[in-house]
Amino acid sequence: MRLAVGQLLGFALLATLGCAGKSFDFTGKEYALAAAQRRYTELVRWGEIGRAGAYVDPAITADFLVTAERFQGIRFTDFESGPLQFGEGSDTATVDVVYHAYSTRTLVDKKFREHQEWYREASADNGWRVRPNLAAIASELNSSR
């Protein structure tokens, strides 16, 4: 009798999970991306651009760090991340982030959007890298100074 009840409960649980419309991330890719994306965005928000560079695609890290120099006198106060949009196979993803920032010279608060493109490194275990678009934000911030 206990076996039948246990099987029935197990079947009900599986049926419920199947009806939820979202598959379970057995590999941990999605969780790893959410954590990496949040950490990278928090580092940018706190002005820790050098540390944020550890998440950037190695092919563009040098350009990223040069662009970051243009953030002198800019203070980010907050950010809002949109939903992660996964590509086919869950090895790529995009997310739009809205940063709130101001220039220490003008004290005018503005919102800036960054479109982040993420990819999963084949050689790393769930390691994600970003191809950020901070140049557009830096240009816009510097024009508003």
C-alpha atoms as a PDB file:
ATOM      1  CA  MET A   1       0.000   0.000   0.000  1.00  0.00           C
ATOM      2  CA  ARG A   2       2.791   2.442   0.911  1.00  0.00           C
ATOM      3  CA  LEU A   3       4.530   1.681  -2.366  1.00  0.00           C
ATOM      4  CA  ALA A   4       1.375   2.478  -4.345  1.00  0.00           C
ATOM      5  CA  VAL A   5       0.883   5.772  -2.490  1.00  0.00           C
ATOM      6  CA  GLY A   6       4.533   6.700  -3.026  1.00  0.00           C
ATOM      7  CA  GLN A   7       4.293   5.924  -6.736  1.00  0.00           C
ATOM      8  CA  LEU A   8       1.092   7.929  -7.008  1.00  0.00           C
ATOM      9  CA  LEU A   9       2.673  10.938  -5.276  1.00  0.00           C
ATOM     10  CA  GLY A  10       5.772  10.649  -7.478  1.00  0.00           C
ATOM     11  CA  PHE A  11       3.622  10.541 -10.600  1.00  0.00           C
ATOM     12  CA  ALA A  12       1.623  13.569  -9.433  1.00  0.00           C
ATOM     13  CA  LEU A  13       4.842  15.496  -8.796  1.00  0.00           C
ATOM     14  CA  LEU A  14       6.229  14.669 -12.239  1.00  0.00           C
ATOM     15  CA  ALA A  15       2.944  15.616 -13.880  1.00  0.00           C
ATOM     16  CA  THR A  16       2.916  18.928 -12.029  1.00  0.00           C
ATOM     17  CA  LEU A  17       6.488  19.718 -13.038  1.00  0.00           C
ATOM     18  CA  GLY A  18       5.742  18.787 -16.624  1.00  0.00           C
ATOM     19  CA  CYS A  19       2.769  21.119 -16.727  1.00  0.00           C
ATOM     20  CA  ALA A  20       4.734  24.048 -15.372  1.00  0.00           C
ATOM     21  CA  GLY A  21       5.898  24.899 -18.907  1.00  0.00           C
ATOM     22  CA  LYS A  22       9.539  25.370 -17.922  1.00  0.00           C
ATOM     23  CA  SER A  23      12.079  22.612 -18.056  1.00  0.00           C
ATOM     24  CA  PHE A  24      14.420  22.111 -15.156  1.00  0.00           C
ATOM     25  CA  ASP A  25      18.022  23.237 -15.691  1.00  0.00           C
ATOM     26  CA  PHE A  26      19.845  20.003 -14.858  1.00  0.00           C
ATOM     27  CA  THR A  27      23.215  21.325 -16.098  1.00  0.00           C
ATOM     28  CA  GLY A  28      23.164  24.505 -14.009  1.00  0.00           C
ATOM     29  CA  LYS A  29      23.882  26.716 -17.073  1.00  0.00           C
ATOM     30  CA  GLU A  30      20.994  29.078 -16.459  1.00  0.00           C
ATOM     31  CA  TYR A  31      21.754  29.448 -12.761  1.00  0.00           C
ATOM     32  CA  ALA A  32      25.445  30.032 -13.524  1.00  0.00           C
ATOM     33  CA  LEU A  33      24.556  32.733 -16.057  1.00  0.00           C
ATOM     34  CA  ALA A  34      22.133  34.480 -13.714  1.00  0.00           C
ATOM     35  CA  ALA A  35      24.832  34.590 -11.024  1.00  0.00           C
ATOM     36  CA  ALA A  36      27.566  35.797 -13.425  1.00  0.00           C
ATOM     37  CA  GLN A  37      25.314  38.436 -15.000  1.00  0.00           C
ATOM     38  CA  ARG A  38      24.251  39.794 -11.631  1.00  0.00           C
ATOM     39  CA  ARG A  39      27.829  39.902 -10.321  1.00  0.00           C
ATOM     40  CA  TYR A  40      29.167  41.631 -13.457  1.00  0.00           C
ATOM     41  CA  THR A  41      26.371  44.219 -13.396  1.00  0.00           C
ATOM     42  CA  GLU A  42      26.862  44.857  -9.665  1.00  0.00           C
ATOM     43  CA  LEU A  43      30.599  45.426 -10.226  1.00  0.00           C
ATOM     44  CA  VAL A  44      29.854  47.952 -12.978  1.00  0.00           C
ATOM     45  CA  ARG A  45      27.273  49.641 -10.760  1.00  0.00           C
ATOM     46  CA  TRP A  46      29.795  49.991  -7.917  1.00  0.00           C
ATOM     47  CA  GLY A  47      32.493  51.333 -10.244  1.00  0.00           C
ATOM     48  CA  GLU A  48      34.630  48.196  -9.959  1.00  0.00           C
ATOM     49  CA  ILE A  49      35.280  48.163 -13.702  1.00  0.00           C
ATOM     50  CA  GLY A  50      38.630  46.394 -13.407  1.00  0.00           C
ATOM     51  CA  ARG A  51      37.032  43.517 -11.519  1.00  0.00           C
ATOM     52  CA  ALA A  52      34.063  43.453 -13.914  1.00  0.00           C
ATOM     53  CA  GLY A  53      36.602  42.918 -16.705  1.00  0.00           C
ATOM     54  CA  ALA A  54      37.086  39.345 -15.483  1.00  0.00           C
ATOM     55  CA  TYR A  55      33.647  38.541 -16.958  1.00  0.00           C
ATOM     56  CA  VAL A  56      34.316  40.217 -20.316  1.00  0.00           C
ATOM     57  CA  ASP A  57      35.167  38.333 -23.518  1.00  0.00           C
ATOM     58  CA  PRO A  58      39.004  38.132 -23.512  1.00  0.00           C
ATOM     59  CA  ALA A  59      39.088  39.384 -27.116  1.00  0.00           C
ATOM     60  CA  ILE A  60      37.624  42.744 -26.057  1.00  0.00           C
ATOM     61  CA  THR A  61      38.791  43.097 -22.451  1.00  0.00           C
ATOM     62  CA  ALA A  62      41.476  45.678 -23.336  1.00  0.00           C
ATOM     63  CA  ASP A  63      38.929  47.866 -25.172  1.00  0.00           C
ATOM     64  CA  PHE A  64      36.503  47.438 -22.276  1.00  0.00           C
ATOM     65  CA  LEU A  65      39.082  48.713 -19.775  1.00  0.00           C
ATOM     66  CA  VAL A  66      39.973  51.696 -22.003  1.00  0.00           C
ATOM     67  CA  THR A  67      36.276  52.553 -22.285  1.00  0.00           C
ATOM     68  CA  ALA A  68      35.969  52.287 -18.512  1.00  0.00           C
ATOM     69  CA  GLU A  69      38.443  55.162 -18.114  1.00  0.00           C
ATOM     70  CA  ARG A  70      35.740  57.425 -19.556  1.00  0.00           C
ATOM     71  CA  PHE A  71      33.625  56.773 -16.436  1.00  0.00           C
ATOM     72  CA  GLN A  72      35.713  59.105 -14.270  1.00  0.00           C
ATOM     73  CA  GLY A  73      33.319  61.423 -12.445  1.00  0.00           C
ATOM     74  CA  ILE A  74      30.292  59.212 -13.126  1.00  0.00           C
ATOM     75  CA  ARG A  75      28.473  57.494 -10.274  1.00  0.00           C
ATOM     76  CA  PHE A  76      26.016  54.686 -10.840  1.00  0.00           C
ATOM     77  CA  THR A  77      23.259  54.657  -8.254  1.00  0.00           C
ATOM     78  CA  ASP A  78      21.207  51.626  -9.274  1.00  0.00           C
ATOM     79  CA  PHE A  79      20.418  49.168 -12.051  1.00  0.00           C
ATOM     80  CA  GLU A  80      17.520  47.073 -13.277  1.00  0.00           C
ATOM     81  CA  SER A  81      18.102  43.873 -15.235  1.00  0.00           C
ATOM     82  CA  GLY A  82      15.482  42.568 -17.628  1.00  0.00           C
ATOM     83  CA  PRO A  83      14.810  38.872 -18.140  1.00  0.00           C
ATOM     84  CA  LEU A  84      17.542  36.648 -19.542  1.00  0.00           C
ATOM     85  CA  GLN A  85      16.742  35.573 -23.096  1.00  0.00           C
ATOM     86  CA  PHE A  86      18.483  32.292 -23.912  1.00  0.00           C
ATOM     87  CA  GLY A  87      19.558  31.348 -27.396  1.00  0.00           C
ATOM     88  CA  GLU A  88      19.223  27.891 -28.868  1.00  0.00           C
ATOM     89  CA  GLY A  89      20.986  25.299 -26.753  1.00  0.00           C
ATOM     90  CA  SER A  90      21.290  27.693 -23.804  1.00  0.00           C
ATOM     91  CA  ASP A  91      24.912  28.525 -24.663  1.00  0.00           C
ATOM     92  CA  THR A  92      24.146  32.156 -25.530  1.00  0.00           C
ATOM     93  CA  ALA A  93      21.886  34.724 -23.929  1.00  0.00           C
ATOM     94  CA  THR A  94      21.077  38.409 -23.950  1.00  0.00           C
ATOM     95  CA  VAL A  95      19.768  40.767 -21.319  1.00  0.00           C
ATOM     96  CA  ASP A  96      18.991  44.469 -21.253  1.00  0.00           C
ATOM     97  CA  VAL A  97      20.112  46.438 -18.219  1.00  0.00           C
ATOM     98  CA  VAL A  98      19.056  49.949 -17.256  1.00  0.00           C
ATOM     99  CA  TYR A  99      21.620  51.814 -15.154  1.00  0.00           C
ATOM    100  CA  HIS A 100      20.822  54.929 -13.150  1.00  0.00           C
ATOM    101  CA  ALA A 101      23.795  57.280 -12.973  1.00  0.00           C
ATOM    102  CA  TYR A 102      24.821  60.886 -12.543  1.00  0.00           C
ATOM    103  CA  SER A 103      27.794  63.079 -13.250  1.00  0.00           C
ATOM    104  CA  THR A 104      29.511  64.427 -10.139  1.00  0.00           C
ATOM    105  CA  ARG A 105      29.818  67.732 -11.999  1.00  0.00           C
ATOM    106  CA  THR A 106      26.149  68.273 -12.859  1.00  0.00           C
ATOM    107  CA  LEU A 107      24.377  65.974 -10.346  1.00  0.00           C
ATOM    108  CA  VAL A 108      21.759  65.248 -13.010  1.00  0.00           C
ATOM    109  CA  ASP A 109      20.367  61.699 -12.757  1.00  0.00           C
ATOM    110  CA  LYS A 110      19.927  59.825 -16.035  1.00  0.00           C
ATOM    111  CA  LYS A 111      19.012  56.327 -17.178  1.00  0.00           C
ATOM    112  CA  PHE A 112      21.209  54.412 -19.604  1.00  0.00           C
ATOM    113  CA  ARG A 113      20.533  51.108 -21.324  1.00  0.00           C
ATOM    114  CA  GLU A 114      23.120  48.426 -21.928  1.00  0.00           C
ATOM    115  CA  HIS A 115      22.477  45.391 -24.120  1.00  0.00           C
ATOM    116  CA  GLN A 116      24.600  42.544 -22.751  1.00  0.00           C
ATOM    117  CA  GLU A 117      25.396  39.558 -24.962  1.00  0.00           C
ATOM    118  CA  TRP A 118      26.552  36.499 -23.038  1.00  0.00           C
ATOM    119  CA  TYR A 119      28.110  33.260 -24.249  1.00  0.00           C
ATOM    120  CA  ARG A 120      29.216  30.123 -22.516  1.00  0.00           C
ATOM    121  CA  GLU A 121      32.862  29.187 -22.848  1.00  0.00           C
ATOM    122  CA  ALA A 122      33.323  25.713 -24.263  1.00  0.00           C
ATOM    123  CA  SER A 123      36.444  25.138 -22.178  1.00  0.00           C
ATOM    124  CA  ALA A 124      34.969  26.241 -18.852  1.00  0.00           C
ATOM    125  CA  ASP A 125      32.487  24.447 -16.652  1.00  0.00           C
ATOM    126  CA  ASN A 126      29.407  26.695 -16.907  1.00  0.00           C
ATOM    127  CA  GLY A 127      31.699  29.726 -17.331  1.00  0.00           C
ATOM    128  CA  TRP A 128      29.974  32.683 -18.960  1.00  0.00           C
ATOM    129  CA  ARG A 129      31.533  35.709 -20.697  1.00  0.00           C
ATOM    130  CA  VAL A 130      29.886  38.978 -21.677  1.00  0.00           C
ATOM    131  CA  ARG A 131      30.271  41.220 -24.691  1.00  0.00           C
ATOM    132  CA  PRO A 132      29.098  44.458 -23.075  1.00  0.00           C
ATOM    133  CA  ASN A 133      28.101  47.677 -24.778  1.00  0.00           C
ATOM    134  CA  LEU A 134      29.539  50.190 -22.328  1.00  0.00           C
ATOM    135  CA  ALA A 135      30.945  52.403 -25.103  1.00  0.00           C
ATOM    136  CA  ALA A 136      27.453  53.691 -25.923  1.00  0.00           C
ATOM    137  CA  ILE A 137      26.813  54.456 -22.249  1.00  0.00           C
ATOM    138  CA  ALA A 138      30.183  56.188 -21.847  1.00  0.00           C
ATOM    139  CA  SER A 139      29.538  58.326 -24.919  1.00  0.00           C
ATOM    140  CA  GLU A 140      26.104  59.309 -23.681  1.00  0.00           C
ATOM    141  CA  LEU A 141      27.322  60.013 -20.144  1.00  0.00           C
ATOM    142  CA  ASN A 142      30.212  62.150 -21.322  1.00  0.00           C
ATOM    143  CA  SER A 143      27.966  64.158 -23.650  1.00  0.00           C
ATOM    144  CA  SER A 144      25.687  64.991 -20.715  1.00  0.00           C
ATOM    145  CA  ARG A 145      28.476  66.285 -18.450  1.00  0.00           C
END
